[in-house]
């Protein structure tokens, strides 16, 4: 496991889910090269899909911008080591 502590920038996820997100990010960074953003994101997304049902999206990188609408209670944006992590389920149109 990485020794660095994650910093949550913004979230509306339940605390238990937040802890799981940061734990999965740390595990993925132990398994994959820190520059293999796609594999890190896929790992987190697949684990969230398994644990909480399908539809999760995950973005990992050191520099990115985004604008999205999410389902309430499913959003987290945090930093771990030198990477930023964005995890959410997109909102459905009415």
PDB file of N, CA and C in Angstrom:
ATOM      1  N   UNK A   1       0.839  -1.192   0.000  1.00  0.00           N
ATOM      2  CA  UNK A   1       0.000   0.000   0.000  1.00  0.00           C
ATOM      3  C   UNK A   1       0.876   1.245   0.000  1.00  0.00           C
ATOM      4  N   UNK A   2       0.384   2.258  -0.649  1.00  0.00           N
ATOM      5  CA  UNK A   2       1.098   3.524  -0.662  1.00  0.00           C
ATOM      6  C   UNK A   2       1.018   4.173   0.706  1.00  0.00           C
ATOM      7  N   UNK A   3       2.054   4.883   1.036  1.00  0.00           N
ATOM      8  CA  UNK A   3       2.096   5.550   2.335  1.00  0.00           C
ATOM      9  C   UNK A   3       1.392   6.903   2.312  1.00  0.00           C
ATOM     10  N   UNK A   4       1.269   7.506   1.132  1.00  0.00           N
ATOM     11  CA  UNK A   4       0.651   8.823   1.018  1.00  0.00           C
ATOM     12  C   UNK A   4      -0.811   8.799   1.416  1.00  0.00           C
ATOM     13  N   UNK A   5      -1.245   9.893   1.983  1.00  0.00           N
ATOM     14  CA  UNK A   5      -2.638  10.002   2.399  1.00  0.00           C
ATOM     15  C   UNK A   5      -3.438  10.720   1.323  1.00  0.00           C
ATOM     16  N   UNK A   6      -4.595  10.195   1.028  1.00  0.00           N
ATOM     17  CA  UNK A   6      -5.470  10.818   0.053  1.00  0.00           C
ATOM     18  C   UNK A   6      -6.131  12.051   0.630  1.00  0.00           C
ATOM     19  N   UNK A   7      -6.427  12.997  -0.248  1.00  0.00           N
ATOM     20  CA  UNK A   7      -7.125  14.217   0.145  1.00  0.00           C
ATOM     21  C   UNK A   7      -8.396  14.323  -0.679  1.00  0.00           C
ATOM     22  N   UNK A   8      -9.527  14.319  -0.014  1.00  0.00           N
ATOM     23  CA  UNK A   8     -10.802  14.451  -0.700  1.00  0.00           C
ATOM     24  C   UNK A   8     -11.037  15.922  -0.998  1.00  0.00           C
ATOM     25  N   UNK A   9     -11.210  16.211  -2.269  1.00  0.00           N
ATOM     26  CA  UNK A   9     -11.457  17.587  -2.709  1.00  0.00           C
ATOM     27  C   UNK A   9     -12.949  17.920  -2.670  1.00  0.00           C
ATOM     28  N   UNK A  10     -13.790  16.956  -3.083  1.00  0.00           N
ATOM     29  CA  UNK A  10     -15.237  17.164  -3.095  1.00  0.00           C
ATOM     30  C   UNK A  10     -15.909  15.795  -3.172  1.00  0.00           C
ATOM     31  N   UNK A  11     -17.057  15.668  -2.528  1.00  0.00           N
ATOM     32  CA  UNK A  11     -17.784  14.396  -2.555  1.00  0.00           C
ATOM     33  C   UNK A  11     -19.200  14.581  -2.047  1.00  0.00           C
ATOM     34  N   UNK A  12     -20.076  13.669  -2.455  1.00  0.00           N
ATOM     35  CA  UNK A  12     -21.379  13.546  -1.810  1.00  0.00           C
ATOM     36  C   UNK A  12     -21.663  12.069  -1.514  1.00  0.00           C
ATOM     37  N   UNK A  13     -20.615  11.254  -1.580  1.00  0.00           N
ATOM     38  CA  UNK A  13     -20.702   9.819  -1.301  1.00  0.00           C
ATOM     39  C   UNK A  13     -20.803   9.568   0.198  1.00  0.00           C
ATOM     40  N   UNK A  14     -21.456   8.471   0.570  1.00  0.00           N
ATOM     41  CA  UNK A  14     -21.399   8.051   1.974  1.00  0.00           C
ATOM     42  C   UNK A  14     -19.944   7.752   2.365  1.00  0.00           C
ATOM     43  N   UNK A  15     -19.618   7.942   3.618  1.00  0.00           N
ATOM     44  CA  UNK A  15     -18.246   7.784   4.099  1.00  0.00           C
ATOM     45  C   UNK A  15     -17.688   6.393   3.792  1.00  0.00           C
ATOM     46  N   UNK A  16     -18.478   5.370   3.969  1.00  0.00           N
ATOM     47  CA  UNK A  16     -18.024   4.005   3.704  1.00  0.00           C
ATOM     48  C   UNK A  16     -17.566   3.847   2.247  1.00  0.00           C
ATOM     49  N   UNK A  17     -18.307   4.428   1.332  1.00  0.00           N
ATOM     50  CA  UNK A  17     -17.965   4.385  -0.089  1.00  0.00           C
ATOM     51  C   UNK A  17     -16.705   5.198  -0.369  1.00  0.00           C
ATOM     52  N   UNK A  18     -16.564   6.329   0.310  1.00  0.00           N
ATOM     53  CA  UNK A  18     -15.356   7.156   0.148  1.00  0.00           C
ATOM     54  C   UNK A  18     -14.111   6.366   0.532  1.00  0.00           C
ATOM     55  N   UNK A  19     -14.194   5.671   1.650  1.00  0.00           N
ATOM     56  CA  UNK A  19     -13.066   4.864   2.118  1.00  0.00           C
ATOM     57  C   UNK A  19     -12.750   3.777   1.103  1.00  0.00           C
ATOM     58  N   UNK A  20     -13.785   3.135   0.572  1.00  0.00           N
ATOM     59  CA  UNK A  20     -13.600   2.097  -0.437  1.00  0.00           C
ATOM     60  C   UNK A  20     -12.935   2.665  -1.685  1.00  0.00           C
ATOM     61  N   UNK A  21     -13.356   3.845  -2.128  1.00  0.00           N
ATOM     62  CA  UNK A  21     -12.778   4.475  -3.322  1.00  0.00           C
ATOM     63  C   UNK A  21     -11.284   4.720  -3.131  1.00  0.00           C
ATOM     64  N   UNK A  22     -10.922   5.253  -2.003  1.00  0.00           N
ATOM     65  CA  UNK A  22      -9.518   5.564  -1.752  1.00  0.00           C
ATOM     66  C   UNK A  22      -8.694   4.293  -1.555  1.00  0.00           C
ATOM     67  N   UNK A  23      -9.284   3.280  -0.957  1.00  0.00           N
ATOM     68  CA  UNK A  23      -8.597   1.996  -0.786  1.00  0.00           C
ATOM     69  C   UNK A  23      -8.344   1.351  -2.151  1.00  0.00           C
ATOM     70  N   UNK A  24      -9.345   1.363  -3.026  1.00  0.00           N
ATOM     71  CA  UNK A  24      -9.180   0.790  -4.367  1.00  0.00           C
ATOM     72  C   UNK A  24      -8.147   1.553  -5.182  1.00  0.00           C
ATOM     73  N   UNK A  25      -8.123   2.863  -5.043  1.00  0.00           N
ATOM     74  CA  UNK A  25      -7.125   3.667  -5.757  1.00  0.00           C
ATOM     75  C   UNK A  25      -5.724   3.294  -5.298  1.00  0.00           C
ATOM     76  N   UNK A  26      -5.553   3.139  -4.014  1.00  0.00           N
ATOM     77  CA  UNK A  26      -4.255   2.761  -3.463  1.00  0.00           C
ATOM     78  C   UNK A  26      -3.839   1.376  -3.946  1.00  0.00           C
ATOM     79  N   UNK A  27      -4.785   0.430  -3.941  1.00  0.00           N
ATOM     80  CA  UNK A  27      -4.497  -0.917  -4.432  1.00  0.00           C
ATOM     81  C   UNK A  27      -4.101  -0.892  -5.903  1.00  0.00           C
ATOM     82  N   UNK A  28      -4.824  -0.130  -6.703  1.00  0.00           N
ATOM     83  CA  UNK A  28      -4.538  -0.046  -8.140  1.00  0.00           C
ATOM     84  C   UNK A  28      -3.145   0.531  -8.375  1.00  0.00           C
ATOM     85  N   UNK A  29      -2.749   1.494  -7.569  1.00  0.00           N
ATOM     86  CA  UNK A  29      -1.415   2.081  -7.716  1.00  0.00           C
ATOM     87  C   UNK A  29      -0.315   1.101  -7.293  1.00  0.00           C
ATOM     88  N   UNK A  30      -0.648   0.145  -6.455  1.00  0.00           N
ATOM     89  CA  UNK A  30       0.304  -0.903  -6.102  1.00  0.00           C
ATOM     90  C   UNK A  30       0.471  -1.917  -7.232  1.00  0.00           C
ATOM     91  N   UNK A  31      -0.593  -2.122  -8.009  1.00  0.00           N
ATOM     92  CA  UNK A  31      -0.591  -3.135  -9.064  1.00  0.00           C
ATOM     93  C   UNK A  31      -0.081  -2.589 -10.397  1.00  0.00           C
ATOM     94  N   UNK A  32      -0.486  -1.367 -10.741  1.00  0.00           N
ATOM     95  CA  UNK A  32      -0.177  -0.788 -12.053  1.00  0.00           C
ATOM     96  C   UNK A  32       0.852   0.330 -11.947  1.00  0.00           C
ATOM     97  N   UNK A  33       1.552   0.538 -13.025  1.00  0.00           N
ATOM     98  CA  UNK A  33       2.481   1.665 -13.120  1.00  0.00           C
ATOM     99  C   UNK A  33       1.701   2.956 -12.910  1.00  0.00           C
ATOM    100  N   UNK A  34       2.287   3.900 -12.209  1.00  0.00           N
ATOM    101  CA  UNK A  34       1.605   5.158 -11.869  1.00  0.00           C
ATOM    102  C   UNK A  34       1.187   5.945 -13.113  1.00  0.00           C
ATOM    103  N   UNK A  35       1.811   5.689 -14.261  1.00  0.00           N
ATOM    104  CA  UNK A  35       1.443   6.382 -15.506  1.00  0.00           C
ATOM    105  C   UNK A  35       0.422   5.611 -16.337  1.00  0.00           C
ATOM    106  N   UNK A  36       0.022   4.436 -15.888  1.00  0.00           N
ATOM    107  CA  UNK A  36      -0.967   3.627 -16.611  1.00  0.00           C
ATOM    108  C   UNK A  36      -2.368   4.003 -16.140  1.00  0.00           C
ATOM    109  N   UNK A  37      -2.766   5.233 -16.445  1.00  0.00           N
ATOM    110  CA  UNK A  37      -4.041   5.780 -15.969  1.00  0.00           C
ATOM    111  C   UNK A  37      -5.232   4.914 -16.360  1.00  0.00           C
ATOM    112  N   UNK A  38      -5.220   4.412 -17.587  1.00  0.00           N
ATOM    113  CA  UNK A  38      -6.352   3.628 -18.081  1.00  0.00           C
ATOM    114  C   UNK A  38      -6.558   2.362 -17.252  1.00  0.00           C
ATOM    115  N   UNK A  39      -5.488   1.638 -16.956  1.00  0.00           N
ATOM    116  CA  UNK A  39      -5.612   0.410 -16.162  1.00  0.00           C
ATOM    117  C   UNK A  39      -6.032   0.713 -14.727  1.00  0.00           C
ATOM    118  N   UNK A  40      -5.502   1.783 -14.174  1.00  0.00           N
ATOM    119  CA  UNK A  40      -5.884   2.187 -12.813  1.00  0.00           C
ATOM    120  C   UNK A  40      -7.380   2.507 -12.773  1.00  0.00           C
ATOM    121  N   UNK A  41      -7.846   3.301 -13.722  1.00  0.00           N
ATOM    122  CA  UNK A  41      -9.266   3.666 -13.781  1.00  0.00           C
ATOM    123  C   UNK A  41     -10.146   2.440 -14.005  1.00  0.00           C
ATOM    124  N   UNK A  42      -9.723   1.547 -14.906  1.00  0.00           N
ATOM    125  CA  UNK A  42     -10.508   0.334 -15.189  1.00  0.00           C
ATOM    126  C   UNK A  42     -10.625  -0.539 -13.942  1.00  0.00           C
ATOM    127  N   UNK A  43      -9.541  -0.666 -13.203  1.00  0.00           N
ATOM    128  CA  UNK A  43      -9.543  -1.459 -11.971  1.00  0.00           C
ATOM    129  C   UNK A  43     -10.579  -0.921 -10.983  1.00  0.00           C
ATOM    130  N   UNK A  44     -10.548   0.377 -10.756  1.00  0.00           N
ATOM    131  CA  UNK A  44     -11.477   1.005  -9.805  1.00  0.00           C
ATOM    132  C   UNK A  44     -12.910   0.873 -10.287  1.00  0.00           C
ATOM    133  N   UNK A  45     -13.154   1.165 -11.561  1.00  0.00           N
ATOM    134  CA  UNK A  45     -14.504   1.090 -12.137  1.00  0.00           C
ATOM    135  C   UNK A  45     -15.081  -0.318 -12.003  1.00  0.00           C
ATOM    136  N   UNK A  46     -14.284  -1.333 -12.376  1.00  0.00           N
ATOM    137  CA  UNK A  46     -14.766  -2.720 -12.312  1.00  0.00           C
ATOM    138  C   UNK A  46     -15.102  -3.130 -10.885  1.00  0.00           C
ATOM    139  N   UNK A  47     -14.281  -2.717  -9.933  1.00  0.00           N
ATOM    140  CA  UNK A  47     -14.545  -3.068  -8.536  1.00  0.00           C
ATOM    141  C   UNK A  47     -15.796  -2.360  -8.005  1.00  0.00           C
ATOM    142  N   UNK A  48     -15.981  -1.094  -8.388  1.00  0.00           N
ATOM    143  CA  UNK A  48     -17.196  -0.380  -7.974  1.00  0.00           C
ATOM    144  C   UNK A  48     -18.429  -1.005  -8.617  1.00  0.00           C
ATOM    145  N   UNK A  49     -18.322  -1.384  -9.897  1.00  0.00           N
ATOM    146  CA  UNK A  49     -19.446  -2.050 -10.569  1.00  0.00           C
ATOM    147  C   UNK A  49     -19.818  -3.343  -9.837  1.00  0.00           C
ATOM    148  N   UNK A  50     -18.816  -4.118  -9.433  1.00  0.00           N
ATOM    149  CA  UNK A  50     -19.071  -5.383  -8.725  1.00  0.00           C
ATOM    150  C   UNK A  50     -19.738  -5.145  -7.380  1.00  0.00           C
ATOM    151  N   UNK A  51     -19.217  -4.178  -6.643  1.00  0.00           N
ATOM    152  CA  UNK A  51     -19.695  -3.958  -5.270  1.00  0.00           C
ATOM    153  C   UNK A  51     -21.012  -3.173  -5.204  1.00  0.00           C
ATOM    154  N   UNK A  52     -21.173  -2.176  -6.088  1.00  0.00           N
ATOM    155  CA  UNK A  52     -22.316  -1.266  -5.970  1.00  0.00           C
ATOM    156  C   UNK A  52     -23.251  -1.283  -7.179  1.00  0.00           C
ATOM    157  N   UNK A  53     -23.060  -2.204  -8.117  1.00  0.00           N
ATOM    158  CA  UNK A  53     -23.891  -2.254  -9.321  1.00  0.00           C
ATOM    159  C   UNK A  53     -23.251  -1.468 -10.448  1.00  0.00           C
ATOM    160  N   UNK A  54     -23.688  -1.713 -11.665  1.00  0.00           N
ATOM    161  CA  UNK A  54     -23.072  -1.134 -12.866  1.00  0.00           C
ATOM    162  C   UNK A  54     -23.309   0.350 -13.047  1.00  0.00           C
ATOM    163  N   UNK A  55     -22.578   0.905 -14.009  1.00  0.00           N
ATOM    164  CA  UNK A  55     -22.778   2.296 -14.390  1.00  0.00           C
ATOM    165  C   UNK A  55     -21.745   3.273 -13.866  1.00  0.00           C
ATOM    166  N   UNK A  56     -20.752   2.785 -13.135  1.00  0.00           N
ATOM    167  CA  UNK A  56     -19.740   3.687 -12.580  1.00  0.00           C
ATOM    168  C   UNK A  56     -18.790   4.174 -13.650  1.00  0.00           C
ATOM    169  N   UNK A  57     -18.319   5.401 -13.484  1.00  0.00           N
ATOM    170  CA  UNK A  57     -17.318   5.996 -14.361  1.00  0.00           C
ATOM    171  C   UNK A  57     -16.132   6.386 -13.485  1.00  0.00           C
ATOM    172  N   UNK A  58     -14.931   6.272 -14.049  1.00  0.00           N
ATOM    173  CA  UNK A  58     -13.729   6.622 -13.296  1.00  0.00           C
ATOM    174  C   UNK A  58     -12.747   7.316 -14.226  1.00  0.00           C
ATOM    175  N   UNK A  59     -12.243   8.452 -13.784  1.00  0.00           N
ATOM    176  CA  UNK A  59     -11.238   9.203 -14.526  1.00  0.00           C
ATOM    177  C   UNK A  59     -10.027   9.354 -13.609  1.00  0.00           C
ATOM    178  N   UNK A  60      -8.847   9.068 -14.155  1.00  0.00           N
ATOM    179  CA  UNK A  60      -7.606   9.158 -13.379  1.00  0.00           C
ATOM    180  C   UNK A  60      -6.586   9.930 -14.205  1.00  0.00           C
ATOM    181  N   UNK A  61      -5.875  10.839 -13.576  1.00  0.00           N
ATOM    182  CA  UNK A  61      -4.820  11.562 -14.273  1.00  0.00           C
ATOM    183  C   UNK A  61      -4.228  12.639 -13.396  1.00  0.00           C
ATOM    184  N   UNK A  62      -3.230  13.299 -13.955  1.00  0.00           N
ATOM    185  CA  UNK A  62      -2.607  14.375 -13.194  1.00  0.00           C
ATOM    186  C   UNK A  62      -3.148  15.741 -13.600  1.00  0.00           C
ATOM    187  N   UNK A  63      -3.695  15.831 -14.810  1.00  0.00           N
ATOM    188  CA  UNK A  63      -4.289  17.086 -15.278  1.00  0.00           C
ATOM    189  C   UNK A  63      -5.472  16.764 -16.184  1.00  0.00           C
ATOM    190  N   UNK A  64      -6.652  17.148 -15.759  1.00  0.00           N
ATOM    191  CA  UNK A  64      -7.825  16.995 -16.616  1.00  0.00           C
ATOM    192  C   UNK A  64      -8.916  17.939 -16.131  1.00  0.00           C
ATOM    193  N   UNK A  65      -9.783  18.273 -17.045  1.00  0.00           N
ATOM    194  CA  UNK A  65     -10.954  19.061 -16.712  1.00  0.00           C
ATOM    195  C   UNK A  65     -12.187  18.249 -17.072  1.00  0.00           C
ATOM    196  N   UNK A  66     -13.278  18.534 -16.426  1.00  0.00           N
ATOM    197  CA  UNK A  66     -14.504  17.812 -16.753  1.00  0.00           C
ATOM    198  C   UNK A  66     -15.716  18.625 -16.302  1.00  0.00           C
ATOM    199  N   UNK A  67     -16.825  18.258 -16.886  1.00  0.00           N
ATOM    200  CA  UNK A  67     -18.112  18.851 -16.521  1.00  0.00           C
ATOM    201  C   UNK A  67     -19.138  17.755 -16.725  1.00  0.00           C
ATOM    202  N   UNK A  68     -19.892  17.411 -15.697  1.00  0.00           N
ATOM    203  CA  UNK A  68     -20.818  16.288 -15.798  1.00  0.00           C
ATOM    204  C   UNK A  68     -21.950  16.448 -14.799  1.00  0.00           C
ATOM    205  N   UNK A  69     -22.975  15.655 -14.989  1.00  0.00           N
ATOM    206  CA  UNK A  69     -24.082  15.568 -14.045  1.00  0.00           C
ATOM    207  C   UNK A  69     -24.049  14.164 -13.470  1.00  0.00           C
ATOM    208  N   UNK A  70     -24.152  14.061 -12.160  1.00  0.00           N
ATOM    209  CA  UNK A  70     -24.047  12.747 -11.527  1.00  0.00           C
ATOM    210  C   UNK A  70     -25.288  12.417 -10.708  1.00  0.00           C
ATOM    211  N   UNK A  71     -25.446  11.132 -10.448  1.00  0.00           N
ATOM    212  CA  UNK A  71     -26.507  10.649  -9.579  1.00  0.00           C
ATOM    213  C   UNK A  71     -26.136  10.993  -8.133  1.00  0.00           C
ATOM    214  N   UNK A  72     -27.068  11.551  -7.407  1.00  0.00           N
ATOM    215  CA  UNK A  72     -26.818  11.978  -6.031  1.00  0.00           C
ATOM    216  C   UNK A  72     -26.260  10.822  -5.190  1.00  0.00           C
ATOM    217  N   UNK A  73     -25.210  11.131  -4.432  1.00  0.00           N
ATOM    218  CA  UNK A  73     -24.616  10.153  -3.535  1.00  0.00           C
ATOM    219  C   UNK A  73     -23.565   9.256  -4.175  1.00  0.00           C
ATOM    220  N   UNK A  74     -23.162   9.589  -5.417  1.00  0.00           N
ATOM    221  CA  UNK A  74     -22.218   8.701  -6.116  1.00  0.00           C
ATOM    222  C   UNK A  74     -20.953   9.412  -6.575  1.00  0.00           C
ATOM    223  N   UNK A  75     -20.687  10.594  -6.103  1.00  0.00           N
ATOM    224  CA  UNK A  75     -19.583  11.395  -6.624  1.00  0.00           C
ATOM    225  C   UNK A  75     -18.454  11.555  -5.612  1.00  0.00           C
ATOM    226  N   UNK A  76     -17.227  11.359  -6.083  1.00  0.00           N
ATOM    227  CA  UNK A  76     -16.053  11.678  -5.272  1.00  0.00           C
ATOM    228  C   UNK A  76     -14.933  12.144  -6.188  1.00  0.00           C
ATOM    229  N   UNK A  77     -14.226  13.168  -5.731  1.00  0.00           N
ATOM    230  CA  UNK A  77     -13.041  13.669  -6.421  1.00  0.00           C
ATOM    231  C   UNK A  77     -11.959  13.810  -5.357  1.00  0.00           C
ATOM    232  N   UNK A  78     -10.860  13.065  -5.526  1.00  0.00           N
ATOM    233  CA  UNK A  78      -9.797  13.110  -4.528  1.00  0.00           C
ATOM    234  C   UNK A  78      -8.431  13.006  -5.188  1.00  0.00           C
ATOM    235  N   UNK A  79      -7.419  13.345  -4.399  1.00  0.00           N
ATOM    236  CA  UNK A  79      -6.034  13.279  -4.832  1.00  0.00           C
ATOM    237  C   UNK A  79      -5.319  12.246  -3.963  1.00  0.00           C
ATOM    238  N   UNK A  80      -4.510  11.422  -4.620  1.00  0.00           N
ATOM    239  CA  UNK A  80      -3.691  10.441  -3.921  1.00  0.00           C
ATOM    240  C   UNK A  80      -2.337  10.437  -4.597  1.00  0.00           C
ATOM    241  N   UNK A  81      -1.299  10.680  -3.806  1.00  0.00           N
ATOM    242  CA  UNK A  81       0.041  10.852  -4.365  1.00  0.00           C
ATOM    243  C   UNK A  81       0.001  12.011  -5.368  1.00  0.00           C
ATOM    244  N   UNK A  82       0.368  11.767  -6.614  1.00  0.00           N
ATOM    245  CA  UNK A  82       0.394  12.837  -7.622  1.00  0.00           C
ATOM    246  C   UNK A  82      -0.788  12.767  -8.576  1.00  0.00           C
ATOM    247  N   UNK A  83      -1.743  11.872  -8.313  1.00  0.00           N
ATOM    248  CA  UNK A  83      -2.858  11.668  -9.235  1.00  0.00           C
ATOM    249  C   UNK A  83      -4.183  12.159  -8.668  1.00  0.00           C
ATOM    250  N   UNK A  84      -5.067  12.551  -9.571  1.00  0.00           N
ATOM    251  CA  UNK A  84      -6.435  12.928  -9.227  1.00  0.00           C
ATOM    252  C   UNK A  84      -7.365  11.808  -9.673  1.00  0.00           C
ATOM    253  N   UNK A  85      -8.398  11.568  -8.873  1.00  0.00           N
ATOM    254  CA  UNK A  85      -9.361  10.506  -9.144  1.00  0.00           C
ATOM    255  C   UNK A  85     -10.762  11.094  -9.110  1.00  0.00           C
ATOM    256  N   UNK A  86     -11.539  10.784 -10.120  1.00  0.00           N
ATOM    257  CA  UNK A  86     -12.932  11.190 -10.204  1.00  0.00           C
ATOM    258  C   UNK A  86     -13.766   9.936 -10.428  1.00  0.00           C
ATOM    259  N   UNK A  87     -14.690   9.665  -9.536  1.00  0.00           N
ATOM    260  CA  UNK A  87     -15.543   8.474  -9.625  1.00  0.00           C
ATOM    261  C   UNK A  87     -16.985   8.931  -9.451  1.00  0.00           C
ATOM    262  N   UNK A  88     -17.873   8.438 -10.320  1.00  0.00           N
ATOM    263  CA  UNK A  88     -19.269   8.835 -10.241  1.00  0.00           C
ATOM    264  C   UNK A  88     -20.149   7.938 -11.111  1.00  0.00           C
ATOM    265  N   UNK A  89     -21.444   8.036 -10.910  1.00  0.00           N
ATOM    266  CA  UNK A  89     -22.425   7.465 -11.832  1.00  0.00           C
ATOM    267  C   UNK A  89     -23.115   8.659 -12.480  1.00  0.00           C
ATOM    268  N   UNK A  90     -23.171   8.657 -13.781  1.00  0.00           N
ATOM    269  CA  UNK A  90     -23.838   9.739 -14.501  1.00  0.00           C
ATOM    270  C   UNK A  90     -25.331   9.746 -14.233  1.00  0.00           C
ATOM    271  N   UNK A  91     -25.910  10.931 -14.263  1.00  0.00           N
ATOM    272  CA  UNK A  91     -27.346  11.064 -14.045  1.00  0.00           C
ATOM    273  C   UNK A  91     -28.091  10.722 -15.336  1.00  0.00           C
ATOM    274  N   UNK A  92     -29.271  10.160 -15.185  1.00  0.00           N
ATOM    275  CA  UNK A  92     -30.104   9.853 -16.342  1.00  0.00           C
ATOM    276  C   UNK A  92     -30.990  11.054 -16.645  1.00  0.00           C
ATOM    277  N   UNK A  93     -31.284  11.228 -17.902  1.00  0.00           N
ATOM    278  CA  UNK A  93     -32.163  12.333 -18.308  1.00  0.00           C
ATOM    279  C   UNK A  93     -33.587  12.037 -17.908  1.00  0.00           C
ATOM    280  N   UNK A  94     -34.338  13.068 -17.538  1.00  0.00           N
ATOM    281  CA  UNK A  94     -35.742  12.859 -17.128  1.00  0.00           C
ATOM    282  C   UNK A  94     -36.605  12.447 -18.299  1.00  0.00           C
TER     283      UNK A  94
END
